[in-house]
C-alpha cells in the first residue's frame, strides 16, 4: 500500500477499530491500574513500569523514555513499519477493507511481498513434509518436530523452477522477484528459483511478519548459506534470526544468548535455552544491538570456540557496550558451537556453559594486560590506553570505576592512568545515547496551559476567545495548541478529544510524544484556572510584542516616517489596553 491509497476515512476507520490494549499487550505485559493499564516499556529497558495505556482515549505514553501517541504510532515504533505499512497491517488485523486497484488487487508492495513470502513458506514447509531426504538430515541433527514447527522450517527442492510453477497462479512473477525469491538469468533473462535443494529458515521482523529466508544447502553448492536478496523489508543488518520466537523469553529473563547461525539457535532451543538469537551471517551491527537492548540487560556471547569465534566476540564487544548491555562470554571447546556441543555432550552441557559464562569485559581486559615478564613501561602505557578506551563504552560510572580499579591493580599502574581517554567518543563513534530520560517534575507554563486545555473541562473558552498560537514560544507546544484550535474552530461544537488532537499531529513526532504525556500524566499539584493560565501566556507575548513595537517606533522616528510612526503608536496604545485587562474587564 502506498500513501496515495490511504484516505482520511481509512485512517480513521483503523484508529476506531484498533484496540490499543490488544496491540500493546503483544509487546509487554500489562496490568490494569484503575481506568488505565501499566507495564514495562517495550522501547527501552526498565525495571519499574512507566509505560501507560489509556483504552478510552486510545493513547500510550512512557514516562521513562518519552515515547507516546496512538495505536498507529505504537505499532510503527514497535514493528519498524512506515505509516502505509502500519495502516495496512492494522487494517488486516481488525478487518478493515483496504482499497483495491481496478483489477481487484491491492496496490502496495508490502502486501504483495508478504503474500509472496507467506505462500513460499507454505510451499517450503509442505516440501519438507514430503522429502525423506530433508527430513532425514534434520533427524540426524536431532531437530524435533516441535522445533521444526516453531521455527517454520521448510525445504526448497532441487530444480530451477519448482517454486515458480507451484505458485504462478497465486503470485505474480514481479512480486516473487521483488520479494527476493526469484531471480533472472543474466544471459537469457529467464526467471529461476533463488533457493534450490536447501533447508529453508523463515526470517521474521520484530513484529512477527515474515520478511525473508535463509537457505542451507543440502547439496554440493559452494555457498553453504544464502539469504533472500536485500529488499524493502529485508535488511540483514537490522534483523536477528529467532528474535520473533525468543521475544517473550528475552523480556521475561532480561538476558539473551547471541549465537552465530540458524542451527545454533535451534540447538540452544533444543537444550532448553529459548532466548537465543543469531545474526544474519554478517558482523553484529548497532541496529541489532539496539534491538537486543530493548528487551535485555545482559548478553551472553556463545560464538564458536575457534579463532574466528574469538575475533567475532571482540568485534561485538564495543557495539554491545555502546548499547548499554552487560556482556558475558560462553567458551565452547575448540571446534564446537552450541549445536555441535549439544550433539556431542548433550543439552545440559550447553546449559552449563551458558550458565557459567564469564565476564566478557574482564576477559578482554586480561587479554590486553601483558605478561609480568614482558611488562615494560611502554607496554603498560599502551595497554592502559587501550583498556581506557574500552571502558569508555561502559555507561554506568560505578561499574566503569570498578573495572578501572581492578585493571589498574593487575596492570600495575595508577588508577588515573585508565581515565581521561577519548573512550566512547573515539571508540564507539556512532553508538546512540541512551533513551532513558527523567520524567519532568515541573511543567512549564505552556505545558500547564495545554494540560488544562486538553482535559476537556468546563472552562474551555469559546473558539473566538482563544489567544493566537504565537503565545506559545515552545515549537512543540505551539503545534499542539494549533492542532487544538484548528479542530475546535473548524466547525466542531465541542472541544476536540485527545485522540483527535493526536491524529491531527500524526506527522509531528515530538509533538505527538508531548501531547500524549500531557493527556496521560496525572497532575501533581493544583493548577490555576485555564483562563488565568492562558492569560498569563498572552500577557507574556504582549510584553514581547510591546518591546518589538518600541524598537520599530524608534526606528520610524529616526527615519522620519510619520505615517508608519502613527500606525505603530496606535498599535502600541491598543496593546497597552491588552496589557491592563482591568480596563476592559476581559483577560484577552
Protein backbone atom coordinates (compact mmCIF):
# COMPACT_ATOMS: atom_id res chain seq x y z
CA UNK A 1 0.00 0.00 0.00
CA UNK A 2 1.26 3.46 -0.91
CA UNK A 3 0.48 6.81 0.65
CA UNK A 4 -1.75 7.72 -2.30
CA UNK A 5 -4.09 4.82 -1.42
CA UNK A 6 -4.56 5.98 2.16
CA UNK A 7 -7.61 8.14 2.67
CA UNK A 8 -8.50 10.03 5.87
CA UNK A 9 -11.56 7.77 6.13
CA UNK A 10 -9.37 4.65 6.07
CA UNK A 11 -7.01 6.06 8.72
CA UNK A 12 -9.93 6.97 10.96
CA UNK A 13 -11.51 3.55 10.47
CA UNK A 14 -8.24 1.92 11.53
CA UNK A 15 -8.00 4.18 14.59
CA UNK A 16 -11.59 3.41 15.58
CA UNK A 17 -11.22 -0.35 15.14
CA UNK A 18 -7.75 -0.80 16.65
CA UNK A 19 -7.57 -1.90 20.28
CA UNK A 20 -4.52 -0.25 21.82
CA UNK A 21 -4.58 -2.61 24.82
CA UNK A 22 -4.54 -5.57 22.43
CA UNK A 23 -1.67 -4.10 20.39
CA UNK A 24 0.37 -3.08 23.44
CA UNK A 25 -0.36 -6.40 25.18
CA UNK A 26 1.55 -8.21 22.43
CA UNK A 27 4.60 -6.09 23.22
CA UNK A 28 4.67 -6.11 27.02
CA UNK A 29 2.69 -7.47 29.94
CA UNK A 30 0.02 -5.00 31.04
CA UNK A 31 -1.65 -4.73 34.44
CA UNK A 32 -4.83 -2.78 34.99
CA UNK A 33 -4.46 0.31 37.18
CA UNK A 34 -7.85 1.99 37.52
CA UNK A 35 -9.01 3.06 34.09
CA UNK A 36 -5.58 2.55 32.56
CA UNK A 37 -3.01 -0.20 32.05
CA UNK A 38 0.64 -0.13 33.03
CA UNK A 39 3.64 -2.22 32.06
CA UNK A 40 7.35 -2.22 31.27
CA UNK A 41 8.09 -0.06 28.26
CA UNK A 42 8.69 -2.07 25.05
CA UNK A 43 11.04 0.65 23.75
CA UNK A 44 13.68 0.81 26.46
CA UNK A 45 14.99 -1.24 29.38
CA UNK A 46 13.44 -0.55 32.75
CA UNK A 47 12.70 -2.41 35.97
CA UNK A 48 9.82 -0.26 37.19
CA UNK A 49 6.78 0.09 34.89
CA UNK A 50 6.48 3.56 33.35
CA UNK A 51 4.50 2.62 30.22
CA UNK A 52 0.86 3.77 30.45
CA UNK A 53 -2.01 2.83 28.12
CA UNK A 54 -5.39 4.57 28.14
CA UNK A 55 -8.01 2.48 26.30
CA UNK A 56 -10.67 5.19 26.48
CA UNK A 57 -8.51 7.73 24.66
CA UNK A 58 -6.64 5.13 22.60
CA UNK A 59 -3.28 6.57 23.66
CA UNK A 60 0.00 5.41 25.17
CA UNK A 61 2.87 7.23 26.86
CA UNK A 62 6.11 6.13 28.52
CA UNK A 63 7.15 8.36 31.39
CA UNK A 64 10.66 6.91 31.15
CA UNK A 65 11.71 7.43 27.52
CA UNK A 66 9.06 9.93 26.43
CA UNK A 67 7.51 7.91 23.59
CA UNK A 68 3.79 8.47 23.15
CA UNK A 69 0.93 8.56 20.68
CA UNK A 70 -1.96 6.50 19.38
CA UNK A 71 -2.28 2.86 18.30
CA UNK A 72 -0.85 3.51 14.84
CA UNK A 73 2.29 5.16 16.19
CA UNK A 74 2.69 2.41 18.80
CA UNK A 75 2.57 -0.21 16.07
CA UNK A 76 5.01 1.74 13.88
CA UNK A 77 7.53 2.25 16.69
CA UNK A 78 7.48 -1.42 17.63
CA UNK A 79 7.41 -3.01 14.18
CA UNK A 80 9.62 -0.56 12.33
CA UNK A 81 6.94 -0.23 9.63
CA UNK A 82 6.30 3.05 7.89
CA UNK A 83 2.86 4.67 8.04
CA UNK A 84 1.33 2.91 4.97
CA UNK A 85 2.58 -0.50 6.11
CA UNK A 86 1.24 0.07 9.63
CA UNK A 87 -2.17 1.11 8.30
CA UNK A 88 -2.26 -1.99 6.12
CA UNK A 89 -1.20 -4.35 8.91
CA UNK A 90 -3.69 -2.93 11.42
CA UNK A 91 -6.48 -2.89 8.84
CA UNK A 92 -5.92 -6.57 8.13
CA UNK A 93 -5.71 -7.37 11.82
CA UNK A 94 -9.02 -5.68 12.64
CA UNK A 95 -10.93 -6.50 9.45
CA UNK A 96 -10.93 -3.07 7.80
CA UNK A 97 -11.35 -3.35 3.98
CA UNK A 98 -8.40 -1.96 2.06
CA UNK A 99 -8.67 -0.07 -1.24
CA UNK A 100 -8.15 -2.17 -4.34
CA UNK A 101 -6.91 -1.44 -7.83
CA UNK A 102 -9.25 -1.78 -10.83
CA UNK A 103 -8.01 -5.32 -11.24
CA UNK A 104 -9.05 -6.07 -7.70
CA UNK A 105 -5.57 -6.36 -6.29
CA UNK A 106 -4.13 -4.26 -3.50
CA UNK A 107 -1.71 -1.74 -4.80
CA UNK A 108 1.11 -1.64 -2.26
CA UNK A 109 4.42 -3.50 -2.21
CA UNK A 110 4.18 -4.58 1.44
CA UNK A 111 1.06 -6.67 0.90
CA UNK A 112 2.49 -8.21 -2.27
CA UNK A 113 5.80 -9.09 -0.63
CA UNK A 114 4.12 -10.56 2.43
CA UNK A 115 1.75 -12.65 0.32
CA UNK A 116 4.65 -13.93 -1.79
CA UNK A 117 6.77 -14.79 1.26
CA UNK A 118 3.93 -16.49 3.13
CA UNK A 119 2.97 -18.52 0.07
CA UNK A 120 6.59 -19.54 -0.41
CA UNK A 121 6.86 -20.51 3.27
CA UNK A 122 3.85 -22.83 2.91
CA UNK A 123 5.38 -24.32 -0.24
CA UNK A 124 8.71 -24.97 1.52
CA UNK A 125 7.04 -26.48 4.61
CA UNK A 126 4.96 -28.89 2.51
CA UNK A 127 8.06 -29.95 0.62
CA UNK A 128 9.85 -30.68 3.89
CA UNK A 129 6.98 -32.94 4.95
CA UNK A 130 7.21 -34.79 1.62
CA UNK A 131 11.01 -35.06 1.43
CA UNK A 132 12.59 -38.07 3.15
CA UNK A 133 15.97 -36.63 2.20
CA UNK A 134 15.44 -33.29 4.01
CA UNK A 135 13.69 -34.86 7.00
CA UNK A 136 16.49 -37.37 7.43
CA UNK A 137 19.01 -34.53 7.56
CA UNK A 138 17.07 -32.86 10.39
CA UNK A 139 16.65 -36.17 12.16
CA UNK A 140 20.42 -36.68 12.14
CA UNK A 141 20.83 -33.24 13.69
CA UNK A 142 18.16 -34.09 16.30
CA UNK A 143 15.83 -31.22 15.41
CA UNK A 144 12.45 -32.25 16.78
CA UNK A 145 9.11 -31.89 15.02
CA UNK A 146 8.12 -29.26 17.58
CA UNK A 147 11.15 -27.12 16.77
CA UNK A 148 10.52 -27.52 13.05
CA UNK A 149 7.01 -26.16 13.52
CA UNK A 150 8.03 -23.40 15.94
CA UNK A 151 10.64 -22.03 13.57
CA UNK A 152 8.67 -22.84 10.38
CA UNK A 153 11.45 -24.88 8.74
CA UNK A 154 10.99 -25.91 5.13
CA UNK A 155 12.75 -27.37 2.12
CA UNK A 156 13.35 -25.95 -1.36
CA UNK A 157 13.63 -28.94 -3.70
CA UNK A 158 16.29 -29.25 -6.36
CA UNK A 159 15.35 -27.69 -9.68
CA UNK A 160 15.24 -24.28 -11.32
CA UNK A 161 11.52 -23.51 -11.28
CA UNK A 162 9.71 -25.60 -8.64
CA UNK A 163 8.50 -22.58 -6.68
CA UNK A 164 7.72 -20.66 -9.86
CA UNK A 165 5.46 -23.40 -11.22
CA UNK A 166 3.81 -24.09 -7.85
CA UNK A 167 2.72 -20.52 -7.09
CA UNK A 168 2.43 -18.92 -10.53
CA UNK A 169 -1.37 -18.98 -10.37
CA UNK A 170 -1.33 -17.24 -6.97
CA UNK A 171 1.59 -14.81 -7.00
CA UNK A 172 2.67 -12.65 -9.97
CA UNK A 173 6.24 -13.06 -11.14
CA UNK A 174 7.12 -9.44 -10.38
CA UNK A 175 6.07 -9.94 -6.75
CA UNK A 176 8.25 -13.06 -6.42
CA UNK A 177 11.21 -11.15 -7.82
CA UNK A 178 10.57 -8.12 -5.60
CA UNK A 179 10.33 -10.38 -2.53
CA UNK A 180 13.78 -11.85 -3.29
CA UNK A 181 12.50 -15.35 -4.04
CA UNK A 182 13.14 -15.42 -7.78
CA UNK A 183 15.96 -14.04 -9.89
CA UNK A 184 16.53 -13.58 -13.61
CA UNK A 185 19.33 -15.08 -15.64
CA UNK A 186 21.90 -12.51 -16.74
CA UNK A 187 22.24 -14.31 -20.06
CA UNK A 188 18.71 -15.28 -21.10
CA UNK A 189 16.65 -13.12 -18.76
CA UNK A 190 14.59 -16.18 -17.80
CA UNK A 191 13.32 -16.36 -14.20
CA UNK A 192 14.64 -19.03 -11.83
CA UNK A 193 14.15 -20.09 -8.20
CA UNK A 194 16.74 -18.43 -5.97
CA UNK A 195 16.62 -21.31 -3.45
CA UNK A 196 17.28 -24.85 -4.70
CA UNK A 197 17.95 -28.01 -2.69
CA UNK A 198 18.19 -26.04 0.53
CA UNK A 199 16.81 -26.30 4.03
CA UNK A 200 14.77 -23.12 4.49
CA UNK A 201 14.69 -20.87 7.56
CA UNK A 202 11.97 -18.18 7.53
CA UNK A 203 13.15 -14.87 8.94
CA UNK A 204 10.73 -12.51 10.70
CA UNK A 205 10.88 -8.87 11.67
CA UNK A 206 10.38 -7.98 15.37
CA UNK A 207 6.62 -7.67 14.84
CA UNK A 208 6.47 -11.28 13.60
CA UNK A 209 5.96 -10.62 9.90
CA UNK A 210 7.97 -12.86 7.59
CA UNK A 211 10.42 -10.72 5.60
CA UNK A 212 12.81 -13.22 4.04
CA UNK A 213 14.55 -16.60 4.14
CA UNK A 214 17.89 -18.15 4.85
CA UNK A 215 18.77 -21.34 2.99
CA UNK A 216 21.32 -24.01 3.97
CA UNK A 217 22.48 -26.17 1.08
CA UNK A 218 21.85 -29.91 1.30
CA UNK A 219 23.71 -30.47 -1.95
CA UNK A 220 27.14 -29.59 -3.30
CA UNK A 221 26.57 -25.86 -3.74
CA UNK A 222 29.73 -23.93 -2.83
CA UNK A 223 27.66 -21.33 -0.99
CA UNK A 224 26.74 -23.13 2.22
CA UNK A 225 24.22 -20.46 3.24
CA UNK A 226 22.41 -17.83 1.20
CA UNK A 227 19.79 -15.29 2.21
CA UNK A 228 16.96 -13.55 0.46
CA UNK A 229 18.37 -10.65 -1.53
CA UNK A 230 18.02 -7.24 0.15
CA UNK A 231 14.50 -5.83 -0.29
CA UNK A 232 12.44 -3.02 1.19
CA UNK A 233 11.55 -5.32 4.09
CA UNK A 234 14.69 -7.46 4.41
CA UNK A 235 17.83 -5.76 5.74
CA UNK A 236 20.28 -8.21 7.26
CA UNK A 237 21.89 -5.61 9.47
CA UNK A 238 18.67 -4.85 11.33
CA UNK A 239 17.32 -8.39 11.81
CA UNK A 240 18.10 -11.23 14.20
CA UNK A 241 17.15 -14.82 13.42
CA UNK A 242 14.90 -16.33 16.08
CA UNK A 243 14.10 -12.96 17.65
CA UNK A 244 10.37 -13.29 17.00
CA UNK A 245 10.26 -16.70 18.72
CA UNK A 246 12.53 -15.58 21.58
CA UNK A 247 10.96 -12.17 22.24
CA UNK A 248 8.80 -13.11 25.21
CA UNK A 249 11.60 -15.12 26.87
CA UNK A 250 14.01 -12.22 26.33
CA UNK A 251 11.67 -9.83 28.08
CA UNK A 252 10.89 -12.24 30.92
CA UNK A 253 14.54 -13.17 31.55
CA UNK A 254 16.15 -9.82 30.80
CA UNK A 255 19.02 -11.62 29.08
CA UNK A 256 19.81 -13.05 25.65
CA UNK A 257 22.19 -15.59 24.18
CA UNK A 258 23.76 -14.40 20.94
CA UNK A 259 24.96 -17.15 18.60
CA UNK A 260 26.35 -17.22 15.09
CA UNK A 261 23.96 -19.30 12.99
CA UNK A 262 20.50 -20.72 12.43
CA UNK A 263 21.34 -24.17 13.75
CA UNK A 264 22.94 -22.64 16.83
CA UNK A 265 19.58 -21.03 17.63
CA UNK A 266 17.83 -24.37 17.11
CA UNK A 267 20.47 -26.20 19.15
CA UNK A 268 20.14 -23.76 22.03
CA UNK A 269 16.34 -24.08 21.95
CA UNK A 270 16.65 -27.87 21.89
CA UNK A 271 18.84 -27.52 25.00
CA UNK A 272 16.12 -25.61 26.84
CA UNK A 273 17.51 -22.14 26.10
CA UNK A 274 14.71 -20.40 24.23
CA UNK A 275 16.20 -16.91 24.46
CA UNK A 276 18.91 -17.44 21.81
CA UNK A 277 19.12 -15.33 18.64
CA UNK A 278 21.59 -15.12 15.77
CA UNK A 279 22.96 -12.53 13.38
CA UNK A 280 22.39 -12.87 9.67
CA UNK A 281 25.78 -14.13 8.58
CA UNK A 282 27.46 -10.73 8.97
CA UNK A 283 29.22 -8.96 11.83
CA UNK A 284 26.96 -7.67 14.60
CA UNK A 285 25.54 -4.21 13.86
CA UNK A 286 24.49 -1.31 16.06
CA UNK A 287 20.88 -1.76 14.93
CA UNK A 288 20.90 -5.37 16.13
CA UNK A 289 22.48 -4.37 19.44
CA UNK A 290 19.84 -1.69 20.00
CA UNK A 291 17.11 -4.21 19.24
CA UNK A 292 18.54 -6.57 21.87
CA UNK A 293 18.85 -3.73 24.37
CA UNK A 294 15.11 -3.05 24.12
CA UNK A 295 14.42 -6.46 25.65
CA UNK A 296 17.55 -7.48 27.55
CA UNK A 297 20.00 -6.21 30.15
CA UNK A 298 22.67 -8.86 29.61
CA UNK A 299 24.03 -10.66 26.55
CA UNK A 300 25.91 -13.95 26.61
CA UNK A 301 28.09 -14.35 23.53
CA UNK A 302 28.00 -18.01 22.52
CA UNK A 303 30.08 -17.85 19.37
CA UNK A 304 32.14 -20.72 18.01
CA UNK A 305 35.09 -21.88 20.08
CA UNK A 306 37.77 -21.12 17.49
CA UNK A 307 39.92 -18.16 16.47
CA UNK A 308 37.18 -16.77 14.23
CA UNK A 309 34.69 -17.00 17.09
CA UNK A 310 37.05 -15.16 19.44
CA UNK A 311 37.58 -12.44 16.86
CA UNK A 312 33.83 -12.09 16.34
CA UNK A 313 33.38 -11.69 20.11
CA UNK A 314 35.95 -8.92 20.29
CA UNK A 315 34.30 -7.11 17.38
CA UNK A 316 30.88 -7.39 19.03
CA UNK A 317 32.08 -6.18 22.43
CA UNK A 318 32.23 -2.41 21.75
CA UNK A 319 28.92 -2.49 19.88
CA UNK A 320 27.12 -4.21 22.76
CA UNK A 321 28.81 -1.94 25.31
CA UNK A 322 27.64 1.06 23.34
CA UNK A 323 24.06 -0.21 23.60
CA UNK A 324 24.40 -0.28 27.40
CA UNK A 325 24.44 -4.07 27.78
CA UNK A 326 26.31 -6.24 30.26
CA UNK A 327 28.24 -8.93 28.37
CA UNK A 328 29.35 -12.47 29.16
CA UNK A 329 31.33 -14.96 27.08
CA UNK A 330 30.44 -18.67 26.97
CA UNK A 331 33.53 -20.61 25.91
CA UNK A 332 32.87 -23.73 23.88
CA UNK A 333 35.61 -26.30 23.23
CA UNK A 334 37.70 -25.60 20.15
CA UNK A 335 35.81 -26.56 17.02
CA UNK A 336 32.41 -26.56 18.71
CA UNK A 337 29.40 -24.27 18.68
CA UNK A 338 26.18 -24.57 20.74
CA UNK A 339 24.60 -27.04 18.32
CA UNK A 340 27.61 -29.29 17.78
CA UNK A 341 28.32 -29.34 21.53
CA UNK A 342 24.70 -30.34 22.19
CA UNK A 343 25.03 -33.23 19.75
CA UNK A 344 28.28 -34.39 21.35
CA UNK A 345 27.80 -33.66 25.06
CA UNK A 346 24.03 -33.09 25.44
CA UNK A 347 21.74 -30.18 26.16
CA UNK A 348 22.70 -29.97 29.84
CA UNK A 349 26.33 -29.39 28.85
CA UNK A 350 25.25 -26.42 26.72
CA UNK A 351 23.18 -25.07 29.62
CA UNK A 352 26.16 -25.35 31.95
CA UNK A 353 28.46 -23.42 29.61
CA UNK A 354 25.86 -20.67 29.24
CA UNK A 355 25.22 -20.52 32.99
CA UNK A 356 28.95 -20.28 33.82
CA UNK A 357 29.78 -17.72 31.13
CA UNK A 358 32.50 -15.30 32.23
CA UNK A 359 32.52 -11.51 32.27
CA UNK A 360 33.46 -10.63 28.68
CA UNK A 361 34.79 -7.17 29.56
CA UNK A 362 37.20 -8.53 32.14
CA UNK A 363 38.31 -11.27 29.74
CA UNK A 364 39.15 -8.62 27.16
CA UNK A 365 40.97 -6.51 29.77
CA UNK A 366 43.04 -9.54 30.77
CA UNK A 367 43.90 -10.15 27.12
CA UNK A 368 45.30 -6.62 26.87
CA UNK A 369 47.48 -6.89 30.02
CA UNK A 370 50.99 -8.07 29.07
CA UNK A 371 52.58 -10.94 30.95
CA UNK A 372 54.59 -9.91 34.04
CA UNK A 373 57.93 -10.82 32.46
CA UNK A 374 57.13 -8.63 29.40
CA UNK A 375 55.60 -5.69 31.28
CA UNK A 376 57.78 -2.74 30.25
CA UNK A 377 56.62 0.85 30.89
CA UNK A 378 55.92 1.29 27.18
CA UNK A 379 53.73 -1.82 27.05
CA UNK A 380 51.98 -0.79 30.27
CA UNK A 381 51.17 2.62 28.83
CA UNK A 382 49.92 1.11 25.58
CA UNK A 383 47.71 -1.38 27.42
CA UNK A 384 46.39 1.36 29.71
CA UNK A 385 45.30 3.44 26.72
CA UNK A 386 43.56 0.51 25.05
CA UNK A 387 41.77 -0.53 28.24
CA UNK A 388 40.71 3.06 28.94
CA UNK A 389 39.13 3.32 25.51
CA UNK A 390 37.35 0.01 26.03
CA UNK A 391 35.99 1.10 29.41
CA UNK A 392 34.85 4.38 27.88
CA UNK A 393 31.93 2.41 26.47
CA UNK A 394 30.70 1.33 29.92
CA UNK A 395 27.87 3.75 30.69
CA UNK A 396 27.44 3.06 34.40
CA UNK A 397 30.02 5.16 36.27
CA UNK A 398 30.13 2.81 39.27
CA UNK A 399 30.68 -0.24 37.08
CA UNK A 400 33.28 1.58 34.99
CA UNK A 401 35.12 2.69 38.13
CA UNK A 402 35.19 -0.87 39.48
CA UNK A 403 36.73 -2.15 36.23
CA UNK A 404 39.26 0.70 36.26
CA UNK A 405 40.42 -0.08 39.80
CA UNK A 406 40.70 -3.80 39.11
CA UNK A 407 42.51 -3.30 35.79
CA UNK A 408 44.92 -0.75 37.27
CA UNK A 409 45.83 -3.19 40.04
CA UNK A 410 46.54 -6.04 37.63
CA UNK A 411 48.37 -3.79 35.16
CA UNK A 412 50.48 -2.16 37.87
CA UNK A 413 49.62 1.45 37.01
CA UNK A 414 47.81 4.24 38.90
CA UNK A 415 44.04 4.15 38.51
CA UNK A 416 44.15 7.62 36.98
CA UNK A 417 46.06 6.19 34.01
CA UNK A 418 42.82 4.49 32.91
CA UNK A 419 40.80 7.69 32.91
CA UNK A 420 40.62 10.72 30.69
CA UNK A 421 40.92 8.82 27.42
CA UNK A 422 38.73 9.59 24.43
CA UNK A 423 36.80 6.46 25.27
CA UNK A 424 33.33 6.13 23.84
CA UNK A 425 33.56 9.17 21.56
CA UNK A 426 36.63 7.73 19.92
CA UNK A 427 35.94 4.02 20.14
CA UNK A 428 32.19 3.97 19.51
CA UNK A 429 31.71 6.89 17.15
CA UNK A 430 28.17 6.15 16.06
CA UNK A 431 26.61 4.50 19.10
CA UNK A 432 23.47 6.43 20.03
CA UNK A 433 22.96 7.70 23.56
CA UNK A 434 20.60 6.01 25.99
CA UNK A 435 16.92 6.78 25.54
CA UNK A 436 16.43 7.00 29.30
CA UNK A 437 15.13 10.42 30.26
CA UNK A 438 13.83 11.61 33.56
CA UNK A 439 10.16 12.34 33.98
CA UNK A 440 9.80 16.10 34.24
CA UNK A 441 8.87 17.12 37.78
CA UNK A 442 7.63 20.60 36.89
CA UNK A 443 5.58 21.61 33.87
CA UNK A 444 6.42 24.77 32.01
CA UNK A 445 3.72 27.45 31.91
CA UNK A 446 2.95 26.43 28.34
CA UNK A 447 2.57 22.77 29.33
CA UNK A 448 0.29 23.78 32.21
CA UNK A 449 -1.94 25.64 29.77
CA UNK A 450 -2.04 22.69 27.38
CA UNK A 451 -2.65 20.22 30.19
CA UNK A 452 -5.71 22.19 31.30
CA UNK A 453 -6.89 22.72 27.73
CA UNK A 454 -6.64 19.02 26.88
CA UNK A 455 -8.59 17.86 29.91
CA UNK A 456 -11.89 18.86 28.22
CA UNK A 457 -13.12 20.73 31.28
CA UNK A 458 -15.85 23.31 31.51
CA UNK A 459 -13.56 26.36 31.46
CA UNK A 460 -12.57 25.89 27.81
CA UNK A 461 -13.13 29.31 26.19
CA UNK A 462 -15.24 29.84 23.11
CA UNK A 463 -13.16 29.49 19.91
CA UNK A 464 -13.42 33.23 19.27
CA UNK A 465 -11.84 33.93 22.67
CA UNK A 466 -8.77 31.76 22.25
CA UNK A 467 -5.45 33.61 22.11
CA UNK A 468 -3.26 33.25 18.98
CA UNK A 469 -0.84 30.33 18.74
CA UNK A 470 2.09 32.76 18.92
CA UNK A 471 1.62 32.95 22.70
CA UNK A 472 3.34 29.56 22.81
CA UNK A 473 7.08 30.03 22.31
CA UNK A 474 7.92 26.30 22.54
CA UNK A 475 7.51 24.92 18.96
CA UNK A 476 6.07 21.58 20.13
CA UNK A 477 3.58 23.24 22.45
CA UNK A 478 2.64 25.68 19.69
CA UNK A 479 1.98 22.78 17.29
CA UNK A 480 -0.25 21.03 19.84
CA UNK A 481 -2.18 24.23 20.52
CA UNK A 482 -2.52 24.96 16.79
CA UNK A 483 -3.92 21.46 16.24
CA UNK A 484 -6.42 22.01 19.07
CA UNK A 485 -7.53 25.35 17.62
CA UNK A 486 -7.80 24.00 14.06
CA UNK A 487 -10.12 21.23 15.24
CA UNK A 488 -12.06 23.45 17.67
CA UNK A 489 -12.63 26.30 15.24
CA UNK A 490 -13.19 24.01 12.30
CA UNK A 491 -16.94 23.60 12.79
CA UNK A 492 -16.91 21.48 15.96
CA UNK A 493 -19.46 22.34 18.61
CA UNK A 494 -17.25 20.85 21.27
CA UNK A 495 -13.58 20.92 22.16
CA UNK A 496 -11.63 18.16 20.35
CA UNK A 497 -10.68 14.97 22.18
CA UNK A 498 -7.13 13.96 22.91
CA UNK A 499 -7.28 11.20 20.30
CA UNK A 500 -8.41 13.69 17.66
CA UNK A 501 -5.53 16.00 18.51
CA UNK A 502 -3.03 13.12 18.33
CA UNK A 503 -4.44 12.18 14.93
CA UNK A 504 -4.11 15.78 13.74
CA UNK A 505 -0.47 15.74 14.87
CA UNK A 506 0.35 12.39 13.24
CA UNK A 507 3.28 13.83 11.24
CA UNK A 508 4.74 15.76 14.19
CA UNK A 509 6.68 13.08 16.07
CA UNK A 510 7.93 15.08 19.07
CA UNK A 511 4.67 16.98 19.42
CA UNK A 512 2.80 13.64 19.49
CA UNK A 513 5.01 12.40 22.33
CA UNK A 514 4.48 15.64 24.26
CA UNK A 515 0.70 15.64 23.75
CA UNK A 516 0.43 12.01 24.85
CA UNK A 517 2.32 12.80 28.06
CA UNK A 518 0.09 15.75 28.85
CA UNK A 519 -3.02 13.67 28.19
CA UNK A 520 -1.94 10.70 30.32
CA UNK A 521 0.13 12.36 33.05
CA UNK A 522 -1.62 12.98 36.32
CA UNK A 523 -1.30 16.48 37.74
CA UNK A 524 0.95 16.51 40.82
CA UNK A 525 -0.45 19.78 42.15
CA UNK A 526 -3.38 22.13 41.89
CA UNK A 527 -3.13 24.12 38.67
CA UNK A 528 -4.52 27.63 38.29
CA UNK A 529 -7.62 28.04 36.13
CA UNK A 530 -7.39 27.76 32.36
CA UNK A 531 -8.38 31.38 31.58
CA UNK A 532 -5.79 32.65 34.05
CA UNK A 533 -3.05 30.41 32.61
CA UNK A 534 -3.79 31.33 29.01
CA UNK A 535 -4.00 34.97 30.07
CA UNK A 536 -0.54 34.75 31.59
CA UNK A 537 0.88 33.40 28.31
CA UNK A 538 -0.90 36.11 26.36
CA UNK A 539 0.45 38.77 28.72
CA UNK A 540 3.98 37.43 28.23
CA UNK A 541 3.57 37.50 24.46
CA UNK A 542 2.11 41.01 24.52
CA UNK A 543 5.07 42.20 26.60
CA UNK A 544 7.43 40.77 24.00
CA UNK A 545 5.33 42.35 21.25
CA UNK A 546 5.45 45.68 23.07
CA UNK A 547 9.25 45.59 23.18
CA UNK A 548 9.33 44.88 19.45
CA UNK A 549 6.89 47.79 18.80
CA UNK A 550 9.12 50.14 20.80
CA UNK A 551 12.09 49.13 18.66
CA UNK A 552 10.09 49.77 15.48
CA UNK A 553 8.84 53.15 16.82
CA UNK A 554 12.41 54.30 17.50
CA UNK A 555 13.42 53.21 14.03
CA UNK A 556 10.46 55.05 12.44
CA UNK A 557 11.38 58.22 14.39
CA UNK A 558 14.98 58.03 13.21
CA UNK A 559 13.84 57.59 9.61
CA UNK A 560 11.25 60.39 9.89
CA UNK A 561 8.47 58.07 8.63
CA UNK A 562 5.45 59.87 10.12
CA UNK A 563 2.81 57.57 8.56
CA UNK A 564 4.43 54.40 9.92
CA UNK A 565 5.05 56.12 13.26
CA UNK A 566 1.37 56.99 13.65
CA UNK A 567 0.37 53.40 12.83
CA UNK A 568 2.84 51.94 15.32
CA UNK A 569 1.74 54.32 18.08
CA UNK A 570 -1.88 53.24 17.58
CA UNK A 571 -0.81 49.60 17.82
CA UNK A 572 1.10 50.38 21.00
CA UNK A 573 -1.95 52.11 22.50
CA UNK A 574 -4.18 49.10 21.71
CA UNK A 575 -1.57 46.74 23.09
CA UNK A 576 -1.34 48.76 26.32
CA UNK A 577 -5.04 48.16 26.86
CA UNK A 578 -4.47 44.40 26.49
CA UNK A 579 -1.63 44.54 28.99
CA UNK A 580 -4.02 46.08 31.54
CA UNK A 581 -7.11 43.80 31.37
CA UNK A 582 -8.75 45.70 34.23
CA UNK A 583 -9.54 48.48 31.76
CA UNK A 584 -11.91 46.22 29.81
CA UNK A 585 -12.77 43.56 32.33
CA UNK A 586 -11.50 40.74 29.99
CA UNK A 587 -8.45 38.54 30.24
CA UNK A 588 -7.88 38.80 26.47
